[in-house]
N, C-alpha and C. Protein backbone atom coordinates (compact mmCIF):
# COMPACT_ATOMS: atom_id res chain seq x y z
N MET A 1 211.44 91.21 -21.49
CA MET A 1 212.13 90.77 -20.30
C MET A 1 211.26 89.77 -19.53
N THR A 2 210.04 90.14 -19.16
CA THR A 2 209.16 89.23 -18.42
C THR A 2 207.84 89.10 -19.17
N GLU A 3 207.90 88.68 -20.41
CA GLU A 3 206.70 88.63 -21.23
C GLU A 3 205.73 87.54 -20.77
N GLY A 4 206.22 86.45 -20.24
CA GLY A 4 205.35 85.34 -19.84
C GLY A 4 204.83 85.46 -18.42
N LEU A 5 205.17 86.54 -17.72
CA LEU A 5 204.80 86.71 -16.32
C LEU A 5 203.45 87.41 -16.21
N THR A 6 202.53 86.80 -15.48
CA THR A 6 201.23 87.41 -15.24
C THR A 6 201.06 87.64 -13.75
N LEU A 7 200.78 88.85 -13.35
CA LEU A 7 200.62 89.18 -11.94
C LEU A 7 199.15 89.07 -11.56
N ALA A 8 198.91 88.62 -10.35
CA ALA A 8 197.54 88.52 -9.85
C ALA A 8 197.05 89.91 -9.45
N SER A 9 195.78 90.13 -9.67
CA SER A 9 195.21 91.42 -9.28
C SER A 9 194.78 91.36 -7.82
N LYS A 10 194.43 92.52 -7.28
CA LYS A 10 193.97 92.55 -5.90
C LYS A 10 192.64 91.82 -5.76
N TRP A 11 191.87 91.72 -6.85
CA TRP A 11 190.59 91.02 -6.78
C TRP A 11 190.81 89.51 -6.67
N ASP A 12 191.91 89.00 -7.23
CA ASP A 12 192.22 87.58 -7.07
C ASP A 12 192.50 87.26 -5.61
N ALA A 13 193.22 88.15 -4.94
CA ALA A 13 193.51 87.93 -3.52
C ALA A 13 192.24 88.01 -2.69
N ALA A 14 191.36 88.95 -3.01
CA ALA A 14 190.09 89.06 -2.29
C ALA A 14 189.23 87.82 -2.52
N ASP A 15 189.24 87.28 -3.73
CA ASP A 15 188.50 86.07 -4.04
C ASP A 15 189.04 84.89 -3.23
N ASP A 16 190.36 84.79 -3.12
CA ASP A 16 190.96 83.71 -2.33
C ASP A 16 190.59 83.83 -0.85
N ILE A 17 190.57 85.04 -0.33
CA ILE A 17 190.20 85.25 1.08
C ILE A 17 188.75 84.87 1.31
N LEU A 18 187.88 85.26 0.38
CA LEU A 18 186.47 84.88 0.51
C LEU A 18 186.27 83.37 0.44
N ARG A 19 187.02 82.70 -0.42
CA ARG A 19 186.94 81.23 -0.49
C ARG A 19 187.41 80.59 0.81
N LEU A 20 188.48 81.13 1.40
CA LEU A 20 188.97 80.60 2.67
C LEU A 20 187.93 80.81 3.77
N LEU A 21 187.30 81.98 3.79
CA LEU A 21 186.24 82.23 4.77
C LEU A 21 185.06 81.29 4.57
N TRP A 22 184.71 81.05 3.32
CA TRP A 22 183.60 80.14 3.04
C TRP A 22 183.93 78.73 3.54
N MET A 23 185.15 78.28 3.28
CA MET A 23 185.54 76.94 3.74
C MET A 23 185.58 76.88 5.26
N ALA A 24 186.03 77.97 5.89
CA ALA A 24 186.15 77.97 7.35
C ALA A 24 184.78 77.95 8.02
N THR A 25 183.80 78.59 7.40
CA THR A 25 182.48 78.66 8.03
C THR A 25 181.55 77.54 7.58
N SER A 26 181.88 76.87 6.51
CA SER A 26 181.03 75.76 6.07
C SER A 26 181.56 74.46 6.67
N ARG A 27 180.99 73.36 6.28
CA ARG A 27 181.35 72.06 6.86
C ARG A 27 182.41 71.32 6.06
N HIS A 28 183.18 72.00 5.20
CA HIS A 28 184.17 71.33 4.38
C HIS A 28 185.44 70.98 5.16
N LEU A 29 185.69 71.66 6.24
CA LEU A 29 186.91 71.41 7.02
C LEU A 29 186.55 70.75 8.34
N PRO A 30 187.49 69.97 8.89
CA PRO A 30 187.23 69.40 10.22
C PRO A 30 187.21 70.51 11.28
N GLU A 31 186.58 70.22 12.40
CA GLU A 31 186.43 71.24 13.46
C GLU A 31 187.76 71.74 13.99
N TRP A 32 188.76 70.87 14.10
CA TRP A 32 190.03 71.28 14.67
C TRP A 32 190.78 72.25 13.75
N VAL A 33 190.39 72.36 12.49
CA VAL A 33 190.96 73.34 11.57
C VAL A 33 190.04 74.55 11.47
N ARG A 34 188.73 74.30 11.43
CA ARG A 34 187.75 75.37 11.21
C ARG A 34 187.73 76.38 12.35
N TYR A 35 187.70 75.92 13.60
CA TYR A 35 187.58 76.84 14.73
C TYR A 35 188.78 77.77 14.90
N PRO A 36 190.01 77.27 14.78
CA PRO A 36 191.14 78.23 14.84
C PRO A 36 191.14 79.23 13.69
N LEU A 37 190.69 78.82 12.49
CA LEU A 37 190.61 79.77 11.38
C LEU A 37 189.59 80.86 11.65
N ILE A 38 188.45 80.47 12.20
CA ILE A 38 187.43 81.46 12.54
C ILE A 38 187.94 82.40 13.63
N ALA A 39 188.61 81.84 14.64
CA ALA A 39 189.15 82.67 15.73
C ALA A 39 190.21 83.64 15.21
N ALA A 40 191.07 83.18 14.31
CA ALA A 40 192.09 84.05 13.75
C ALA A 40 191.46 85.16 12.91
N GLY A 41 190.43 84.84 12.17
CA GLY A 41 189.75 85.85 11.37
C GLY A 41 189.07 86.91 12.21
N VAL A 42 188.41 86.47 13.28
CA VAL A 42 187.75 87.43 14.17
C VAL A 42 188.79 88.30 14.87
N THR A 43 189.88 87.70 15.31
CA THR A 43 190.95 88.45 15.96
C THR A 43 191.54 89.49 15.01
N LEU A 44 191.76 89.12 13.76
CA LEU A 44 192.29 90.06 12.78
C LEU A 44 191.30 91.20 12.52
N ALA A 45 190.02 90.87 12.42
CA ALA A 45 189.02 91.91 12.17
C ALA A 45 188.94 92.90 13.34
N VAL A 46 188.99 92.40 14.57
CA VAL A 46 188.94 93.27 15.74
C VAL A 46 190.20 94.14 15.81
N HIS A 47 191.34 93.54 15.54
CA HIS A 47 192.60 94.29 15.57
C HIS A 47 192.59 95.41 14.54
N GLU A 48 192.18 95.11 13.32
CA GLU A 48 192.14 96.13 12.27
C GLU A 48 191.09 97.20 12.58
N GLY A 49 189.97 96.81 13.16
CA GLY A 49 188.96 97.77 13.54
C GLY A 49 189.46 98.74 14.60
N LEU A 50 190.15 98.21 15.60
CA LEU A 50 190.71 99.09 16.63
C LEU A 50 191.80 99.99 16.07
N ARG A 51 192.61 99.46 15.17
CA ARG A 51 193.65 100.28 14.55
C ARG A 51 193.02 101.42 13.74
N TRP A 52 191.94 101.13 13.04
CA TRP A 52 191.26 102.15 12.26
C TRP A 52 190.65 103.21 13.17
N LEU A 53 190.06 102.77 14.28
CA LEU A 53 189.46 103.73 15.22
C LEU A 53 190.52 104.64 15.82
N ARG A 54 191.68 104.08 16.17
CA ARG A 54 192.76 104.91 16.72
C ARG A 54 193.23 105.93 15.70
N ALA A 55 193.35 105.51 14.45
CA ALA A 55 193.79 106.43 13.41
C ALA A 55 192.71 107.47 13.10
N ARG A 56 191.46 107.06 13.17
CA ARG A 56 190.35 107.95 12.82
C ARG A 56 190.14 109.03 13.85
N PHE A 57 190.15 108.65 15.11
CA PHE A 57 189.88 109.63 16.16
C PHE A 57 191.16 110.19 16.77
N GLY A 58 192.29 109.70 16.39
CA GLY A 58 193.59 110.25 16.73
C GLY A 58 193.95 110.21 18.20
N GLU A 59 194.95 109.44 18.48
CA GLU A 59 195.51 109.47 19.83
C GLU A 59 196.37 110.72 19.95
N PRO A 60 196.48 111.27 21.14
CA PRO A 60 197.40 112.41 21.28
C PRO A 60 198.84 111.94 21.06
N PRO A 61 199.62 112.71 20.34
CA PRO A 61 201.00 112.28 20.09
C PRO A 61 201.79 112.24 21.38
N GLU A 62 202.66 111.25 21.46
CA GLU A 62 203.50 111.12 22.65
C GLU A 62 204.56 112.21 22.64
N ALA A 63 204.93 112.64 23.82
CA ALA A 63 205.95 113.68 23.94
C ALA A 63 207.31 113.11 23.55
N ASP A 64 208.13 113.96 22.94
CA ASP A 64 209.47 113.54 22.54
C ASP A 64 210.33 113.44 23.80
N PRO A 65 210.88 112.26 24.10
CA PRO A 65 211.65 112.11 25.34
C PRO A 65 212.96 112.90 25.34
N SER A 66 213.45 113.32 24.17
CA SER A 66 214.71 114.05 24.13
C SER A 66 214.51 115.53 24.50
N VAL A 67 213.29 116.01 24.52
CA VAL A 67 213.01 117.40 24.88
C VAL A 67 212.63 117.45 26.34
N GLN A 68 213.38 118.22 27.12
CA GLN A 68 213.10 118.34 28.54
C GLN A 68 212.53 119.73 28.81
N GLU A 69 211.37 119.74 29.42
CA GLU A 69 210.75 121.01 29.74
C GLU A 69 211.05 121.35 31.21
N SER A 70 211.34 122.63 31.44
CA SER A 70 211.58 123.07 32.81
C SER A 70 210.85 124.41 33.02
N ASP A 71 210.70 124.77 34.25
CA ASP A 71 210.01 126.02 34.57
C ASP A 71 210.95 127.22 34.61
N SER A 72 212.25 127.00 34.48
CA SER A 72 213.19 128.11 34.54
C SER A 72 213.14 128.92 33.25
N ARG A 73 213.33 130.23 33.41
CA ARG A 73 213.31 131.12 32.27
C ARG A 73 214.66 131.08 31.54
N VAL A 74 214.59 131.16 30.25
CA VAL A 74 215.79 131.13 29.45
C VAL A 74 215.95 132.49 28.78
N ARG A 75 217.17 133.06 28.85
CA ARG A 75 217.42 134.35 28.22
C ARG A 75 218.05 134.18 26.88
């Protein structure tokens, strides 16, 4: 069915990301392209780091708004 189809591995994607980072931090790109790429990369790293910390140390679960608690006794 798809004999001629070759899928990229996750290492190919990691290699492409590393090449993009190398280009962004080296002098191959003009400054007006390089600086926004660096800023986007740092922003992504900080966002993922904060997301990992929230998942790691666990935020308290939010209360279900459909459940109403009252002090009255129920029989």
